[in-house]
Protein backbone atom coordinates (compact mmCIF):
# COMPACT_ATOMS: atom_id res chain seq x y z
CA MET A 1 -57.54 51.69 -17.33
CA LYS A 2 -55.34 52.01 -14.22
CA LYS A 3 -54.84 48.23 -14.12
CA LEU A 4 -53.80 48.25 -17.79
CA VAL A 5 -51.24 51.01 -17.17
CA ALA A 6 -49.86 49.17 -14.13
CA LEU A 7 -49.55 45.97 -16.17
CA ILE A 8 -47.67 47.76 -18.97
CA ILE A 9 -45.28 49.39 -16.46
CA GLY A 10 -44.65 45.99 -14.83
CA LEU A 11 -43.82 44.42 -18.18
CA ILE A 12 -41.43 47.27 -19.00
CA ILE A 13 -39.63 46.82 -15.65
CA ILE A 14 -39.33 43.06 -16.23
CA GLY A 15 -37.95 43.67 -19.73
CA VAL A 16 -35.37 46.14 -18.43
CA SER A 17 -34.30 43.72 -15.69
CA ALA A 18 -33.92 40.87 -18.17
CA THR A 19 -31.89 43.09 -20.49
CA THR A 20 -29.61 44.11 -17.62
CA VAL A 21 -28.95 40.51 -16.60
CA SER A 22 -28.25 39.50 -20.21
CA ALA A 23 -25.92 42.45 -20.72
CA ALA A 24 -23.87 41.42 -17.71
CA ALA A 25 -23.15 37.99 -19.23
CA ASP A 26 -23.06 38.66 -23.00
CA TYR A 27 -21.75 41.38 -25.27
CA GLU A 28 -22.90 42.22 -28.81
CA VAL A 29 -20.00 43.22 -31.04
CA LYS A 30 -20.27 46.72 -32.53
CA LYS A 31 -18.58 48.17 -35.61
CA GLY A 32 -14.96 49.06 -34.84
CA ASP A 33 -14.71 46.67 -31.85
CA ASN A 34 -11.82 44.26 -31.36
CA LEU A 35 -11.13 41.61 -28.73
CA TRP A 36 -8.54 43.76 -26.97
CA THR A 37 -10.92 46.70 -26.36
CA ILE A 38 -13.76 44.38 -25.31
CA ALA A 39 -11.48 42.53 -22.87
CA ASN A 40 -10.06 45.80 -21.52
CA ASN A 41 -13.53 47.32 -20.97
CA ASN A 42 -14.85 44.22 -19.21
CA ASN A 43 -11.86 43.46 -16.94
CA THR A 44 -10.90 40.21 -18.67
CA THR A 45 -8.27 39.02 -21.17
CA VAL A 46 -8.24 38.27 -24.90
CA GLU A 47 -7.10 34.73 -24.14
CA LYS A 48 -10.10 34.12 -21.87
CA LEU A 49 -12.60 35.59 -24.38
CA LYS A 50 -11.22 33.34 -27.14
CA ASP A 51 -11.34 30.28 -24.88
CA ILE A 52 -14.94 30.62 -23.58
CA ASN A 53 -16.24 31.59 -27.05
CA ASP A 54 -14.29 28.85 -28.92
CA LEU A 55 -12.57 31.40 -31.17
CA ASP A 56 -9.69 30.14 -33.33
CA SER A 57 -8.54 33.67 -34.16
CA SER A 58 -9.04 37.28 -33.05
CA MET A 59 -11.48 37.98 -35.91
CA ILE A 60 -14.97 39.11 -34.82
CA HIS A 61 -17.84 40.78 -36.69
CA PRO A 62 -20.61 43.27 -35.81
CA LYS A 63 -23.72 41.85 -34.07
CA GLN A 64 -21.78 38.76 -32.99
CA THR A 65 -22.63 37.83 -29.39
CA LEU A 66 -19.68 37.09 -27.10
CA LYS A 67 -19.84 35.50 -23.66
CA LEU A 68 -17.92 37.59 -21.13
CA ASN A 69 -17.94 35.12 -18.24
CA GLU A 70 -18.17 31.37 -17.85
CA GLU A 71 -21.45 30.29 -16.26
CA LYS A 72 -20.91 28.85 -12.78
CA PRO A 73 -22.58 25.53 -11.96
CA GLU A 74 -25.64 25.49 -9.71
CA TYR A 75 -26.00 22.45 -7.47
CA TYR A 76 -28.90 20.67 -5.77
CA THR A 77 -28.24 18.33 -2.82
CA VAL A 78 -30.40 15.20 -2.93
CA GLU A 79 -32.65 14.72 0.10
CA LYS A 80 -34.50 11.66 1.40
CA GLY A 81 -37.51 10.86 -0.83
CA ASP A 82 -36.23 12.84 -3.83
CA SER A 83 -36.44 11.56 -7.40
CA LEU A 84 -35.12 12.96 -10.67
CA GLY A 85 -38.69 13.69 -11.78
CA GLU A 86 -39.48 15.74 -8.66
CA ILE A 87 -36.19 17.63 -8.88
CA SER A 88 -36.71 18.48 -12.57
CA ARG A 89 -40.29 19.67 -11.93
CA SER A 90 -39.09 21.97 -9.14
CA TYR A 91 -37.01 23.86 -11.74
CA GLY A 92 -39.87 24.23 -14.24
CA ASP A 93 -39.76 23.52 -17.97
CA ASP A 94 -36.08 24.55 -18.25
CA VAL A 95 -34.82 21.32 -16.64
CA THR A 96 -35.86 17.82 -17.69
CA VAL A 97 -34.95 14.40 -16.32
CA GLY A 98 -32.89 13.87 -19.48
CA ASP A 99 -30.99 17.11 -18.81
CA LEU A 100 -30.20 16.07 -15.24
CA LYS A 101 -28.93 12.66 -16.38
CA ALA A 102 -26.79 14.19 -19.15
CA TRP A 103 -25.31 16.98 -17.00
CA ASN A 104 -24.42 14.54 -14.20
CA ASN A 105 -23.33 11.48 -16.27
CA LEU A 106 -26.15 9.33 -14.86
CA ASN A 107 -26.84 5.98 -16.57
CA SER A 108 -30.01 5.36 -14.54
CA ASP A 109 -32.57 7.17 -12.37
CA LEU A 110 -30.77 6.06 -9.20
CA ILE A 111 -29.68 8.94 -6.94
CA ILE A 112 -28.32 8.93 -3.40
CA VAL A 113 -29.11 11.11 -0.38
CA GLY A 114 -26.42 13.78 -0.05
CA GLN A 115 -25.41 13.53 -3.71
CA GLN A 116 -24.90 16.90 -5.45
CA LEU A 117 -26.50 17.33 -8.87
CA VAL A 118 -25.75 20.05 -11.42
CA VAL A 119 -29.07 21.70 -12.34
CA ASN A 120 -28.01 24.37 -14.85
CA GLY A 121 -25.69 22.48 -17.22
CA ALA A 122 -22.68 24.71 -16.45
CA SER A 123 -20.40 21.74 -15.67
CA GLU A 124 -20.59 18.01 -15.17
CA LEU A 125 -19.97 15.90 -12.07
CA ASN A 126 -18.68 12.37 -12.19
CA THR A 127 -21.81 11.06 -10.49
CA GLU A 128 -20.78 7.42 -10.73
CA GLN A 129 -17.66 8.17 -8.76
CA VAL A 130 -19.65 10.10 -6.14
CA ALA A 131 -22.14 7.24 -5.83
CA THR A 132 -19.37 4.66 -5.50
CA GLU A 133 -17.62 6.70 -2.81
CA GLN A 134 -20.92 7.10 -0.93
CA VAL A 135 -21.70 3.35 -1.04
CA GLU A 136 -18.16 2.51 0.06
CA ALA A 137 -18.43 4.98 2.94
CA ASP A 138 -21.81 3.55 4.05
CA SER A 139 -20.61 -0.07 3.86
CA THR A 140 -17.36 0.47 5.77
CA ILE A 141 -17.33 -1.46 9.03
CA GLU A 142 -14.86 -0.64 11.75
CA ILE A 143 -13.17 -3.74 13.12
CA LYS A 144 -11.49 -3.35 16.48
CA GLU A 145 -8.59 -5.57 17.34
CA PRO A 146 -8.49 -7.00 20.87
CA GLU A 147 -6.45 -4.89 23.20
CA PRO A 148 -3.23 -6.57 24.34
CA GLU A 149 -2.78 -7.43 27.97
CA ASN A 150 -0.99 -4.83 30.02
CA GLU A 151 2.67 -5.64 30.17
CA PRO A 152 5.29 -3.70 32.06
CA LYS A 153 6.86 -1.22 29.71
CA GLN A 154 10.59 -0.96 29.55
CA GLU A 155 11.69 2.63 29.49
CA PRO A 156 14.44 3.14 26.94
CA GLU A 157 17.62 4.67 28.12
CA ASN A 158 17.90 8.25 26.95
CA GLU A 159 21.11 8.56 25.05
CA PRO A 160 22.00 11.60 23.00
CA GLU A 161 22.02 10.82 19.28
CA GLU A 162 24.79 12.21 17.18
CA ALA A 163 23.92 13.55 13.74
CA THR A 164 25.45 11.53 10.93
CA GLU A 165 27.47 13.14 8.17
CA ASP A 166 24.57 12.67 5.73
CA GLU A 167 22.21 14.56 8.06
CA VAL A 168 24.70 17.41 8.44
CA VAL A 169 25.08 17.69 4.67
CA THR A 170 21.28 17.66 4.23
CA LEU A 171 20.83 20.47 6.73
CA GLU A 172 23.51 22.54 5.03
CA VAL A 173 21.89 22.04 1.61
CA GLU A 174 18.46 23.00 3.00
CA GLU A 175 19.91 26.17 4.53
CA GLU A 176 21.56 27.08 1.22
CA ALA A 177 18.30 26.44 -0.68
CA THR A 178 16.39 28.65 1.77
CA THR A 179 18.92 31.45 1.36
CA SER A 180 18.77 31.11 -2.42
CA SER A 181 14.96 31.23 -2.37
CA GLU A 182 15.02 34.37 -0.22
CA ASP A 183 17.46 36.01 -2.64
CA GLU A 184 15.19 35.12 -5.57
CA SER A 185 12.13 36.73 -3.96
CA ALA A 186 13.98 39.84 -2.74
CA GLN A 187 13.42 42.87 -4.98
CA PRO A 188 16.73 44.03 -6.50
CA ASN A 189 18.00 47.57 -6.89
CA GLY A 190 17.33 49.40 -10.14
CA ARG A 191 14.93 51.73 -11.93
CA THR A 192 11.34 50.76 -11.13
CA ILE A 193 8.23 51.47 -13.22
CA SER A 194 4.55 50.65 -12.74
CA VAL A 195 2.96 48.62 -15.54
CA GLU A 196 -0.31 46.88 -16.35
CA ALA A 197 0.44 43.15 -16.59
CA THR A 198 -1.51 40.37 -18.29
CA ALA A 199 -0.45 36.77 -18.97
CA TYR A 200 -0.21 34.52 -22.04
CA THR A 201 0.85 30.99 -23.03
CA ALA A 202 2.81 29.64 -25.99
CA TYR A 203 -0.26 27.70 -27.09
CA CYS A 204 -2.64 30.59 -27.77
CA SER A 205 -4.48 30.54 -31.10
CA GLY A 206 -2.16 31.66 -33.91
CA CYS A 207 0.92 31.67 -31.65
CA SER A 208 4.11 30.07 -32.99
CA GLY A 209 5.66 29.65 -29.56
CA ILE A 210 8.82 31.46 -30.71
CA THR A 211 9.48 34.88 -29.13
CA ALA A 212 10.73 37.98 -30.93
CA THR A 213 14.27 37.15 -29.78
CA GLY A 214 14.04 33.47 -30.79
CA VAL A 215 13.19 31.75 -27.49
CA ASN A 216 11.20 28.53 -28.09
CA LEU A 217 8.57 28.63 -25.33
CA LYS A 218 6.96 25.34 -26.37
CA ALA A 219 10.28 23.58 -25.86
CA ASN A 220 10.90 25.59 -22.66
CA PRO A 221 7.44 26.02 -21.05
CA HIS A 222 8.85 27.23 -17.73
CA GLU A 223 11.06 29.94 -19.28
CA LYS A 224 10.44 33.29 -17.53
CA VAL A 225 9.83 35.68 -20.42
CA ILE A 226 7.78 38.86 -20.77
CA ALA A 227 6.44 40.67 -23.83
CA VAL A 228 7.17 44.40 -23.76
CA ASP A 229 7.04 47.64 -25.72
CA PRO A 230 10.71 47.95 -26.77
CA ASN A 231 10.40 51.75 -26.53
CA VAL A 232 9.80 51.37 -22.79
CA ILE A 233 11.80 48.22 -21.94
CA PRO A 234 14.39 47.22 -24.58
CA LEU A 235 14.43 43.59 -25.75
CA GLY A 236 17.03 41.52 -23.93
CA THR A 237 16.65 43.49 -20.69
CA ARG A 238 16.67 41.46 -17.47
CA VAL A 239 13.89 42.56 -15.13
CA PHE A 240 12.26 41.70 -11.83
CA VAL A 241 8.44 41.58 -12.00
CA GLU A 242 6.47 41.88 -8.77
CA GLY A 243 4.64 38.59 -8.14
CA TYR A 244 6.45 36.81 -11.02
CA GLY A 245 10.18 37.08 -10.27
CA TYR A 246 13.20 37.51 -12.53
CA ALA A 247 12.50 37.43 -16.27
CA VAL A 248 13.89 38.55 -19.63
CA ALA A 249 12.19 40.98 -22.01
CA ALA A 250 12.21 38.64 -25.02
CA ASP A 251 8.90 39.14 -26.80
CA THR A 252 6.55 41.80 -28.20
CA GLY A 253 2.83 41.98 -28.89
CA GLY A 254 0.45 44.07 -30.96
CA ALA A 255 -1.50 45.10 -27.84
CA ILE A 256 1.59 45.69 -25.70
CA LYS A 257 2.12 49.44 -25.99
CA GLY A 258 3.51 51.85 -23.41
CA ASN A 259 3.57 50.71 -19.79
CA LYS A 260 2.08 47.28 -20.45
CA ILE A 261 3.65 43.82 -20.29
CA ASP A 262 2.50 40.25 -20.94
CA ILE A 263 4.12 37.57 -18.76
CA HIS A 264 4.61 34.02 -20.10
CA VAL A 265 3.14 31.17 -18.04
CA PRO A 266 3.01 27.43 -18.89
CA THR A 267 -0.79 26.88 -18.73
CA LYS A 268 -4.08 28.66 -19.46
CA ASP A 269 -5.22 28.16 -15.84
CA GLN A 270 -2.18 30.10 -14.63
CA ALA A 271 -2.94 32.84 -17.18
CA TYR A 272 -6.53 33.08 -15.89
CA ASP A 273 -5.32 33.15 -12.27
CA TRP A 274 -2.97 36.02 -13.08
CA GLY A 275 -5.68 38.03 -14.86
CA ARG A 276 -4.91 41.72 -15.20
CA ARG A 277 -3.05 43.63 -12.49
CA VAL A 278 -0.78 46.61 -11.91
CA VAL A 279 2.72 45.60 -10.76
CA GLU A 280 6.15 47.11 -10.23
CA VAL A 281 8.89 46.16 -12.72
CA THR A 282 12.53 46.75 -11.78
CA ILE A 283 15.06 47.10 -14.61
CA VAL A 284 17.99 44.96 -13.42
CA ASP A 285 20.27 45.27 -16.49
């Protein structure tokens, strides 16, 4: 009887642990949820949720399972004597030789000592390239040229060199560029407020690429623009955003209410790198 109770308790603990791990990676949509609240509660962005879940719009439905984080790849480094069969067996029934070949773009069972293999399918390595680089590295032979006979060296006469006009102009331009860069990064005077800042691109699902004030961000991908709540920062206002620089309040957003802004960046990678942070915004004019 005691053994039976202990077994039941053990199974319950395992079930709870598995549920906890699953909950950390996935989220089941509940009635009344939207992507904004889910992203806000899990320290991520709507853009990232849509990207990793292949969503074309912001529409979700109850009991839908959303991934909250992208699975990171797990690697195995090939050792002497290894084979794909032995490696797959060491990971149990979850990994087959076919999986290893598909995840790592392998056309044969040939693997090389020191080669890194993806073993969880999270991403793919260009294994052929790795193999080629390894073979090239192993087959490289260093050829030494014969050393020349010692000859008396003639010491050059040290004469001061005068800077040409082109060099002088170049130095002056570099100094001006440095000064300009320092001015750009220096925080200006003005009223400063703290805001929660996220980032977006002109190519998000359902986005036209045209801001509320008519700026075409697809035609001008490097335009420094922020989306604001016009009740807090009026449209057309020039601002300085900590970590972003000078920008113009030229757009709005359904989720941008109160002390929140959305900065425009050219690529999704830059939007992910920015994430969600609290920054100081100075109203310049």
